């Protein structure tokens, strides 16, 4: 068990100093007997940057984190264990490195703005305006309403809509980005309701289960139980 995770169980709320002093901060809370861990970033701060991280083969979370040393990171989109590649579109620094036309997307444009949007099944989308992008996610919250429906988005793995450890990314109305995870087994709706507690209006669920991972400033708050292929990361300094 990581140090941060152990401390969060003992004291589930983040320290006020961490919340007030940093544009990217960690907090945790308990809802319906479940502990949730979140990293919240003020995207209006010019030094805060978001991007995707990718490996062309499954590798350890520490290796992916070590590529760019982010302040925080979370598990990315779903991947094929045999192919070791994401099953949907992934864009890194303007280059498409994986393809697959399913699910919702989290995109970062060339100005650093983060957008969550739905995409049509089995249809390509215009990737030109995005520096980084992860597709293949499950819509969790739309316009403030928790309404996950992975079957309607043509996901076929029953593990996606069952109870499982969860990860997700959300956006609030006041330009905060929320990366949240839990190691407890919860439904998508439970997870969405927990994200709403932090003011999230738009959100998607990322890969979960044994892939669930949340990293914050040197510690794996929630360590994954297997290797990963991609992440979504936050930095407190502008990227070149």
Protein backbone atom coordinates (compact mmCIF):
# COMPACT_ATOMS: atom_id res chain seq x y z
CA UNK A 1 0.00 0.00 0.00
CA UNK A 2 1.40 3.41 -0.95
CA UNK A 3 2.01 6.05 1.70
CA UNK A 4 -0.47 8.54 0.25
CA UNK A 5 -3.20 5.89 -0.01
CA UNK A 6 -2.62 4.84 3.60
CA UNK A 7 -2.76 8.42 4.81
CA UNK A 8 -5.92 9.06 2.81
CA UNK A 9 -7.68 6.20 4.57
CA UNK A 10 -6.70 7.67 7.94
CA UNK A 11 -7.52 11.27 6.93
CA UNK A 12 -9.71 11.38 3.83
CA UNK A 13 -9.61 15.15 3.28
CA UNK A 14 -6.69 16.95 1.69
CA UNK A 15 -4.74 19.42 3.78
CA UNK A 16 -5.85 23.05 3.30
CA UNK A 17 -2.27 24.10 2.55
CA UNK A 18 -2.06 21.76 -0.42
CA UNK A 19 -5.45 22.89 -1.73
CA UNK A 20 -4.76 26.62 -1.42
CA UNK A 21 -1.17 26.86 -2.53
CA UNK A 22 -1.00 24.85 -5.74
CA UNK A 23 -2.83 25.07 -9.07
CA UNK A 24 -2.68 21.25 -9.13
CA UNK A 25 -3.64 19.65 -5.82
CA UNK A 26 -4.76 16.34 -4.32
CA UNK A 27 -7.86 15.74 -2.26
CA UNK A 28 -9.87 12.73 -1.11
CA UNK A 29 -13.28 12.07 0.38
CA UNK A 30 -15.64 9.31 1.40
CA UNK A 31 -19.09 8.85 -0.13
CA UNK A 32 -21.42 5.91 0.50
CA UNK A 33 -18.64 4.06 2.37
CA UNK A 34 -16.25 4.39 -0.61
CA UNK A 35 -12.99 6.37 -0.62
CA UNK A 36 -12.32 8.49 -3.69
CA UNK A 37 -9.02 10.14 -4.60
CA UNK A 38 -8.82 13.14 -6.90
CA UNK A 39 -6.31 15.51 -8.44
CA UNK A 40 -7.83 18.89 -9.27
CA UNK A 41 -6.13 21.34 -11.65
CA UNK A 42 -7.00 24.97 -12.30
CA UNK A 43 -6.73 25.06 -16.10
CA UNK A 44 -7.00 28.86 -16.10
CA UNK A 45 -3.49 28.99 -14.64
CA UNK A 46 -1.04 29.49 -17.50
CA UNK A 47 1.58 27.14 -16.07
CA UNK A 48 -0.82 24.18 -15.93
CA UNK A 49 -0.58 21.88 -18.95
CA UNK A 50 -2.34 18.61 -19.83
CA UNK A 51 -1.19 15.97 -22.28
CA UNK A 52 -1.36 12.28 -23.12
CA UNK A 53 1.52 9.85 -22.50
CA UNK A 54 1.97 6.73 -24.66
CA UNK A 55 4.08 3.61 -25.04
CA UNK A 56 3.96 1.30 -28.06
CA UNK A 57 4.13 -1.67 -25.71
CA UNK A 58 2.83 -2.38 -22.23
CA UNK A 59 5.15 -1.04 -19.58
CA UNK A 60 5.16 -0.13 -15.90
CA UNK A 61 3.39 2.97 -14.63
CA UNK A 62 6.73 4.26 -13.33
CA UNK A 63 8.26 4.00 -16.81
CA UNK A 64 5.42 6.00 -18.36
CA UNK A 65 5.65 8.59 -15.59
CA UNK A 66 9.40 8.79 -15.97
CA UNK A 67 9.09 9.79 -19.63
CA UNK A 68 7.99 13.32 -18.75
CA UNK A 69 7.84 13.65 -14.93
CA UNK A 70 4.32 15.06 -14.55
CA UNK A 71 2.87 16.50 -11.35
CA UNK A 72 -0.02 14.04 -11.65
CA UNK A 73 -1.25 11.30 -13.98
CA UNK A 74 -4.12 8.85 -14.38
CA UNK A 75 -4.77 5.70 -16.38
CA UNK A 76 -5.73 6.44 -19.99
CA UNK A 77 -7.95 4.66 -22.49
CA UNK A 78 -8.58 0.92 -22.94
CA UNK A 79 -5.98 -1.24 -24.65
CA UNK A 80 -5.67 -4.73 -26.09
CA UNK A 81 -3.55 -6.98 -23.90
CA UNK A 82 -2.34 -9.06 -26.86
CA UNK A 83 -1.67 -6.14 -29.22
CA UNK A 84 -0.41 -3.98 -26.31
CA UNK A 85 -1.97 -0.98 -28.09
CA UNK A 86 -4.96 1.25 -27.33
CA UNK A 87 -8.20 0.15 -29.00
CA UNK A 88 -9.15 3.72 -29.99
CA UNK A 89 -7.60 6.90 -31.36
CA UNK A 90 -4.61 8.29 -29.49
CA UNK A 91 -2.80 11.48 -30.53
CA UNK A 92 0.55 12.49 -29.04
CA UNK A 93 2.06 15.89 -29.94
CA UNK A 94 -0.10 16.07 -33.07
CA UNK A 95 0.75 12.56 -34.29
CA UNK A 96 -1.81 9.75 -34.32
CA UNK A 97 -0.18 6.71 -32.71
CA UNK A 98 -3.22 4.42 -32.33
CA UNK A 99 -6.59 4.15 -34.06
CA UNK A 100 -10.10 2.92 -33.33
CA UNK A 101 -13.46 4.63 -33.77
CA UNK A 102 -15.37 4.08 -30.53
CA UNK A 103 -16.37 5.98 -27.42
CA UNK A 104 -16.03 9.54 -26.21
CA UNK A 105 -12.81 11.55 -26.32
CA UNK A 106 -10.65 13.82 -24.19
CA UNK A 107 -8.70 16.25 -26.35
CA UNK A 108 -6.10 18.94 -25.64
CA UNK A 109 -5.83 21.59 -28.35
CA UNK A 110 -2.70 23.50 -29.33
CA UNK A 111 -3.58 26.28 -26.89
CA UNK A 112 -3.81 23.86 -23.96
CA UNK A 113 -7.61 23.84 -23.71
CA UNK A 114 -9.14 20.50 -22.66
CA UNK A 115 -12.38 19.32 -24.25
CA UNK A 116 -14.56 16.28 -23.53
CA UNK A 117 -16.82 15.28 -26.41
CA UNK A 118 -18.75 12.34 -27.85
CA UNK A 119 -17.84 10.75 -31.18
CA UNK A 120 -19.88 8.71 -33.70
CA UNK A 121 -19.25 4.95 -33.62
CA UNK A 122 -16.99 3.61 -36.38
CA UNK A 123 -16.52 7.04 -37.89
CA UNK A 124 -13.26 8.98 -38.00
CA UNK A 125 -13.07 12.37 -36.34
CA UNK A 126 -11.05 15.43 -37.29
CA UNK A 127 -7.90 15.18 -35.19
CA UNK A 128 -6.18 18.17 -36.77
CA UNK A 129 -6.94 20.64 -33.98
CA UNK A 130 -5.62 18.45 -31.17
CA UNK A 131 -2.09 18.26 -29.83
CA UNK A 132 -3.04 15.30 -27.63
CA UNK A 133 -6.16 13.13 -27.53
CA UNK A 134 -7.51 9.92 -25.99
CA UNK A 135 -10.60 8.34 -27.54
CA UNK A 136 -12.37 5.14 -26.45
CA UNK A 137 -13.66 6.47 -23.13
CA UNK A 138 -17.15 5.98 -21.68
CA UNK A 139 -19.33 9.07 -21.30
CA UNK A 140 -20.08 9.41 -17.60
CA UNK A 141 -21.53 12.90 -17.02
CA UNK A 142 -23.02 15.13 -19.71
CA UNK A 143 -24.15 18.69 -18.97
CA UNK A 144 -24.23 17.89 -15.26
CA UNK A 145 -26.29 14.70 -15.59
CA UNK A 146 -24.89 11.28 -14.64
CA UNK A 147 -26.01 9.06 -17.52
CA UNK A 148 -23.48 6.34 -18.44
CA UNK A 149 -24.63 4.00 -21.21
CA UNK A 150 -21.63 2.02 -22.49
CA UNK A 151 -23.84 -0.39 -24.46
CA UNK A 152 -25.27 2.53 -26.47
CA UNK A 153 -21.68 3.55 -27.20
CA UNK A 154 -21.08 0.03 -28.58
CA UNK A 155 -18.82 -1.20 -25.78
CA UNK A 156 -19.19 -4.97 -25.43
CA UNK A 157 -17.11 -5.95 -22.39
CA UNK A 158 -19.49 -6.57 -19.43
CA UNK A 159 -16.70 -5.57 -17.04
CA UNK A 160 -17.19 -1.98 -18.17
CA UNK A 161 -20.71 -1.69 -16.77
CA UNK A 162 -20.27 -3.95 -13.75
CA UNK A 163 -18.68 -3.04 -10.43
CA UNK A 164 -14.96 -2.31 -10.70
CA UNK A 165 -12.19 0.02 -9.57
CA UNK A 166 -12.68 3.22 -11.58
CA UNK A 167 -10.78 6.13 -13.08
CA UNK A 168 -12.15 9.20 -14.83
CA UNK A 169 -11.56 12.74 -16.07
CA UNK A 170 -14.03 15.59 -15.64
CA UNK A 171 -14.37 19.30 -16.27
CA UNK A 172 -16.16 21.87 -14.12
CA UNK A 173 -17.86 25.06 -15.21
CA UNK A 174 -15.04 27.17 -13.74
CA UNK A 175 -12.19 25.63 -15.79
CA UNK A 176 -11.04 23.00 -13.31
CA UNK A 177 -9.99 19.57 -14.51
CA UNK A 178 -10.64 16.65 -12.17
CA UNK A 179 -8.82 13.32 -12.39
CA UNK A 180 -10.49 10.90 -9.98
CA UNK A 181 -10.01 7.24 -9.06
CA UNK A 182 -11.09 4.65 -6.54
CA UNK A 183 -9.77 1.19 -5.77
CA UNK A 184 -13.18 0.15 -4.47
CA UNK A 185 -15.51 -1.70 -6.83
CA UNK A 186 -18.28 0.71 -7.85
CA UNK A 187 -20.69 1.12 -10.76
CA UNK A 188 -20.28 3.83 -13.37
CA UNK A 189 -23.27 5.68 -11.90
CA UNK A 190 -21.80 5.59 -8.39
CA UNK A 191 -18.54 6.93 -9.75
CA UNK A 192 -20.30 9.67 -11.69
CA UNK A 193 -22.22 10.81 -8.62
CA UNK A 194 -18.94 11.04 -6.72
CA UNK A 195 -17.42 13.17 -9.48
CA UNK A 196 -20.40 15.52 -9.31
CA UNK A 197 -19.50 16.20 -5.67
CA UNK A 198 -16.46 18.08 -7.02
CA UNK A 199 -18.60 20.19 -9.36
CA UNK A 200 -17.93 18.17 -12.52
CA UNK A 201 -20.28 18.97 -15.44
CA UNK A 202 -18.68 16.86 -18.20
CA UNK A 203 -16.85 13.59 -17.57
CA UNK A 204 -15.73 10.28 -19.02
CA UNK A 205 -14.65 7.02 -17.43
CA UNK A 206 -11.24 5.72 -18.42
CA UNK A 207 -9.80 2.21 -18.19
CA UNK A 208 -10.32 0.74 -14.73
CA UNK A 209 -10.20 -2.63 -13.02
CA UNK A 210 -6.62 -3.85 -12.71
CA UNK A 211 -5.52 -0.84 -14.79
CA UNK A 212 -6.83 1.74 -12.31
CA UNK A 213 -3.98 4.12 -11.41
CA UNK A 214 -3.61 7.60 -9.96
CA UNK A 215 -0.23 9.29 -9.47
CA UNK A 216 0.51 12.49 -7.58
CA UNK A 217 3.89 14.18 -7.00
CA UNK A 218 6.12 11.13 -6.64
CA UNK A 219 3.64 8.61 -5.25
CA UNK A 220 1.23 6.11 -6.77
CA UNK A 221 -1.86 7.01 -4.76
CA UNK A 222 -3.58 4.07 -6.47
CA UNK A 223 -1.05 1.68 -8.04
CA UNK A 224 -2.14 -0.40 -11.05
CA UNK A 225 -2.06 -4.17 -10.85
CA UNK A 226 -0.73 -4.57 -14.38
CA UNK A 227 1.32 -2.77 -16.99
CA UNK A 228 -0.20 0.12 -18.97
CA UNK A 229 0.03 1.57 -22.46
CA UNK A 230 -1.10 5.18 -21.97
CA UNK A 231 -1.92 7.87 -19.42
CA UNK A 232 -3.32 11.37 -19.13
CA UNK A 233 -0.93 13.69 -17.30
CA UNK A 234 -0.81 17.17 -15.75
CA UNK A 235 2.19 19.50 -15.44
CA UNK A 236 2.80 22.71 -13.53
CA UNK A 237 5.06 24.17 -16.17
CA UNK A 238 4.40 25.00 -19.83
CA UNK A 239 5.54 22.28 -22.21
CA UNK A 240 7.73 23.25 -25.17
